[in-house]
Amino acid sequence: MRWNKGNGWAVVLIALGALLLFGKLTPLLGHLMGYLIPILMIALGYYGVKRGNVLLGWIVLFIGILSLLGKLAWLIGPIIAIGLIIFGFSMLSNNRSRRGRY
């Protein structure tokens, strides 16, 4: 088989279709495929931007990022809460150290 420019996209589409089908048919790996598809979309969007297809690349990249953020929403909320708590404690410790200097 000769390797043409269109063969790369054909292999990508076959792999993506197989991953989608694999995710639907196996309940244990379906959750993993829910994370893998947005990551693949981000990678394909980045590849599209680097190859010169800027508009389509940014669209696929943006959809992939939004999908991944939706999947990771359970993790983002607690991380923001922990960051706010640490920032609040650092502000309190800075105020205490400033009072001691004057």
C-alpha atoms as a PDB file:
ATOM      1  CA  MET A   1       0.000   0.000   0.000  1.00  0.00           C
ATOM      2  CA  ARG A   2       1.361   3.401  -0.965  1.00  0.00           C
ATOM      3  CA  TRP A   3       1.252   6.112   1.636  1.00  0.00           C
ATOM      4  CA  ASN A   4      -0.530   9.198   0.280  1.00  0.00           C
ATOM      5  CA  LYS A   5      -1.502  12.406   2.027  1.00  0.00           C
ATOM      6  CA  GLY A   6      -5.122  11.245   2.382  1.00  0.00           C
ATOM      7  CA  ASN A   7      -4.129   7.954   3.990  1.00  0.00           C
ATOM      8  CA  GLY A   8      -3.159   9.723   7.223  1.00  0.00           C
ATOM      9  CA  TRP A   9      -6.652  11.104   7.676  1.00  0.00           C
ATOM     10  CA  ALA A  10      -8.137   7.723   6.780  1.00  0.00           C
ATOM     11  CA  VAL A  11      -6.097   6.037   9.505  1.00  0.00           C
ATOM     12  CA  VAL A  12      -7.056   8.751  12.006  1.00  0.00           C
ATOM     13  CA  LEU A  13     -10.745   8.372  11.157  1.00  0.00           C
ATOM     14  CA  ILE A  14     -10.598   4.574  11.385  1.00  0.00           C
ATOM     15  CA  ALA A  15      -8.830   4.778  14.761  1.00  0.00           C
ATOM     16  CA  LEU A  16     -11.304   7.360  16.053  1.00  0.00           C
ATOM     17  CA  GLY A  17     -14.255   5.263  14.921  1.00  0.00           C
ATOM     18  CA  ALA A  18     -12.775   2.158  16.541  1.00  0.00           C
ATOM     19  CA  LEU A  19     -12.219   4.032  19.792  1.00  0.00           C
ATOM     20  CA  LEU A  20     -15.781   5.334  19.770  1.00  0.00           C
ATOM     21  CA  LEU A  21     -17.156   1.873  19.074  1.00  0.00           C
ATOM     22  CA  PHE A  22     -14.884   0.330  21.688  1.00  0.00           C
ATOM     23  CA  GLY A  23     -16.071   2.871  24.251  1.00  0.00           C
ATOM     24  CA  LYS A  24     -19.738   2.118  23.555  1.00  0.00           C
ATOM     25  CA  LEU A  25     -19.390  -1.646  23.580  1.00  0.00           C
ATOM     26  CA  THR A  26     -17.362  -2.011  26.763  1.00  0.00           C
ATOM     27  CA  PRO A  27     -18.993  -0.539  29.847  1.00  0.00           C
ATOM     28  CA  LEU A  28     -15.808  -0.626  31.894  1.00  0.00           C
ATOM     29  CA  LEU A  29     -13.775   1.382  29.392  1.00  0.00           C
ATOM     30  CA  GLY A  30     -16.612   3.690  28.369  1.00  0.00           C
ATOM     31  CA  HIS A  31     -15.707   6.112  31.141  1.00  0.00           C
ATOM     32  CA  LEU A  32     -12.094   6.180  29.970  1.00  0.00           C
ATOM     33  CA  MET A  33     -13.173   6.785  26.373  1.00  0.00           C
ATOM     34  CA  GLY A  34     -15.179   9.769  27.599  1.00  0.00           C
ATOM     35  CA  TYR A  35     -11.869  11.398  28.546  1.00  0.00           C
ATOM     36  CA  LEU A  36      -9.881  10.073  25.615  1.00  0.00           C
ATOM     37  CA  ILE A  37     -12.110  11.519  22.884  1.00  0.00           C
ATOM     38  CA  PRO A  38     -11.789  15.175  24.071  1.00  0.00           C
ATOM     39  CA  ILE A  39      -8.025  14.698  24.468  1.00  0.00           C
ATOM     40  CA  LEU A  40      -7.826  13.357  20.915  1.00  0.00           C
ATOM     41  CA  MET A  41      -9.907  16.308  19.690  1.00  0.00           C
ATOM     42  CA  ILE A  42      -7.483  18.707  21.385  1.00  0.00           C
ATOM     43  CA  ALA A  43      -4.530  16.916  19.790  1.00  0.00           C
ATOM     44  CA  LEU A  44      -6.175  16.922  16.346  1.00  0.00           C
ATOM     45  CA  GLY A  45      -7.075  20.604  16.692  1.00  0.00           C
ATOM     46  CA  TYR A  46      -3.500  21.457  17.650  1.00  0.00           C
ATOM     47  CA  TYR A  47      -2.213  19.406  14.731  1.00  0.00           C
ATOM     48  CA  GLY A  48      -4.609  21.216  12.401  1.00  0.00           C
ATOM     49  CA  VAL A  49      -3.435  24.621  13.599  1.00  0.00           C
ATOM     50  CA  LYS A  50       0.214  23.637  13.179  1.00  0.00           C
ATOM     51  CA  ARG A  51      -0.407  22.232   9.683  1.00  0.00           C
ATOM     52  CA  GLY A  52      -2.008  25.455   8.469  1.00  0.00           C
ATOM     53  CA  ASN A  53      -5.725  24.630   8.669  1.00  0.00           C
ATOM     54  CA  VAL A  54      -6.202  27.291  11.329  1.00  0.00           C
ATOM     55  CA  LEU A  55      -9.977  27.769  11.378  1.00  0.00           C
ATOM     56  CA  LEU A  56     -10.916  24.102  11.519  1.00  0.00           C
ATOM     57  CA  GLY A  57      -8.056  23.401  13.928  1.00  0.00           C
ATOM     58  CA  TRP A  58      -9.195  26.076  16.387  1.00  0.00           C
ATOM     59  CA  ILE A  59     -12.809  24.902  16.173  1.00  0.00           C
ATOM     60  CA  VAL A  60     -11.880  21.278  16.949  1.00  0.00           C
ATOM     61  CA  LEU A  61      -9.463  22.422  19.670  1.00  0.00           C
ATOM     62  CA  PHE A  62     -12.103  24.638  21.311  1.00  0.00           C
ATOM     63  CA  ILE A  63     -14.746  21.884  21.260  1.00  0.00           C
ATOM     64  CA  GLY A  64     -12.232  19.427  22.725  1.00  0.00           C
ATOM     65  CA  ILE A  65     -11.280  21.830  25.522  1.00  0.00           C
ATOM     66  CA  LEU A  66     -14.924  22.508  26.374  1.00  0.00           C
ATOM     67  CA  SER A  67     -15.681  18.781  26.402  1.00  0.00           C
ATOM     68  CA  LEU A  68     -12.717  18.048  28.643  1.00  0.00           C
ATOM     69  CA  LEU A  69     -13.636  20.870  31.018  1.00  0.00           C
ATOM     70  CA  GLY A  70     -17.136  19.425  31.264  1.00  0.00           C
ATOM     71  CA  LYS A  71     -15.702  16.013  32.092  1.00  0.00           C
ATOM     72  CA  LEU A  72     -13.304  17.431  34.692  1.00  0.00           C
ATOM     73  CA  ALA A  73     -15.804  19.768  36.379  1.00  0.00           C
ATOM     74  CA  TRP A  74     -15.893  17.515  39.443  1.00  0.00           C
ATOM     75  CA  LEU A  75     -12.164  18.123  39.873  1.00  0.00           C
ATOM     76  CA  ILE A  76     -11.955  21.805  38.970  1.00  0.00           C
ATOM     77  CA  GLY A  77     -14.338  22.986  41.718  1.00  0.00           C
ATOM     78  CA  PRO A  78     -12.416  21.467  44.643  1.00  0.00           C
ATOM     79  CA  ILE A  79      -9.077  22.632  43.181  1.00  0.00           C
ATOM     80  CA  ILE A  80     -10.385  26.210  43.017  1.00  0.00           C
ATOM     81  CA  ALA A  81     -11.720  25.908  46.585  1.00  0.00           C
ATOM     82  CA  ILE A  82      -8.367  24.641  47.898  1.00  0.00           C
ATOM     83  CA  GLY A  83      -6.577  27.428  46.031  1.00  0.00           C
ATOM     84  CA  LEU A  84      -8.869  30.052  47.587  1.00  0.00           C
ATOM     85  CA  ILE A  85      -8.279  28.640  51.071  1.00  0.00           C
ATOM     86  CA  ILE A  86      -4.491  28.657  50.603  1.00  0.00           C
ATOM     87  CA  PHE A  87      -4.600  32.187  49.182  1.00  0.00           C
ATOM     88  CA  GLY A  88      -6.709  33.359  52.141  1.00  0.00           C
ATOM     89  CA  PHE A  89      -4.273  31.862  54.650  1.00  0.00           C
ATOM     90  CA  SER A  90      -1.336  33.481  52.840  1.00  0.00           C
ATOM     91  CA  MET A  91      -3.100  36.852  52.990  1.00  0.00           C
ATOM     92  CA  LEU A  92      -3.655  36.408  56.730  1.00  0.00           C
ATOM     93  CA  SER A  93      -0.016  35.484  57.349  1.00  0.00           C
ATOM     94  CA  ASN A  94       1.167  38.493  55.321  1.00  0.00           C
ATOM     95  CA  ASN A  95      -1.022  40.828  57.390  1.00  0.00           C
ATOM     96  CA  ARG A  96       0.368  39.396  60.640  1.00  0.00           C
ATOM     97  CA  SER A  97       3.978  39.773  59.507  1.00  0.00           C
ATOM     98  CA  ARG A  98       3.375  43.377  58.385  1.00  0.00           C
ATOM     99  CA  ARG A  99       1.905  44.347  61.769  1.00  0.00           C
ATOM    100  CA  GLY A 100       4.987  43.085  63.549  1.00  0.00           C
ATOM    101  CA  ARG A 101       7.331  45.259  61.490  1.00  0.00           C
ATOM    102  CA  TYR A 102       5.719  48.612  62.281  1.00  0.00           C
END
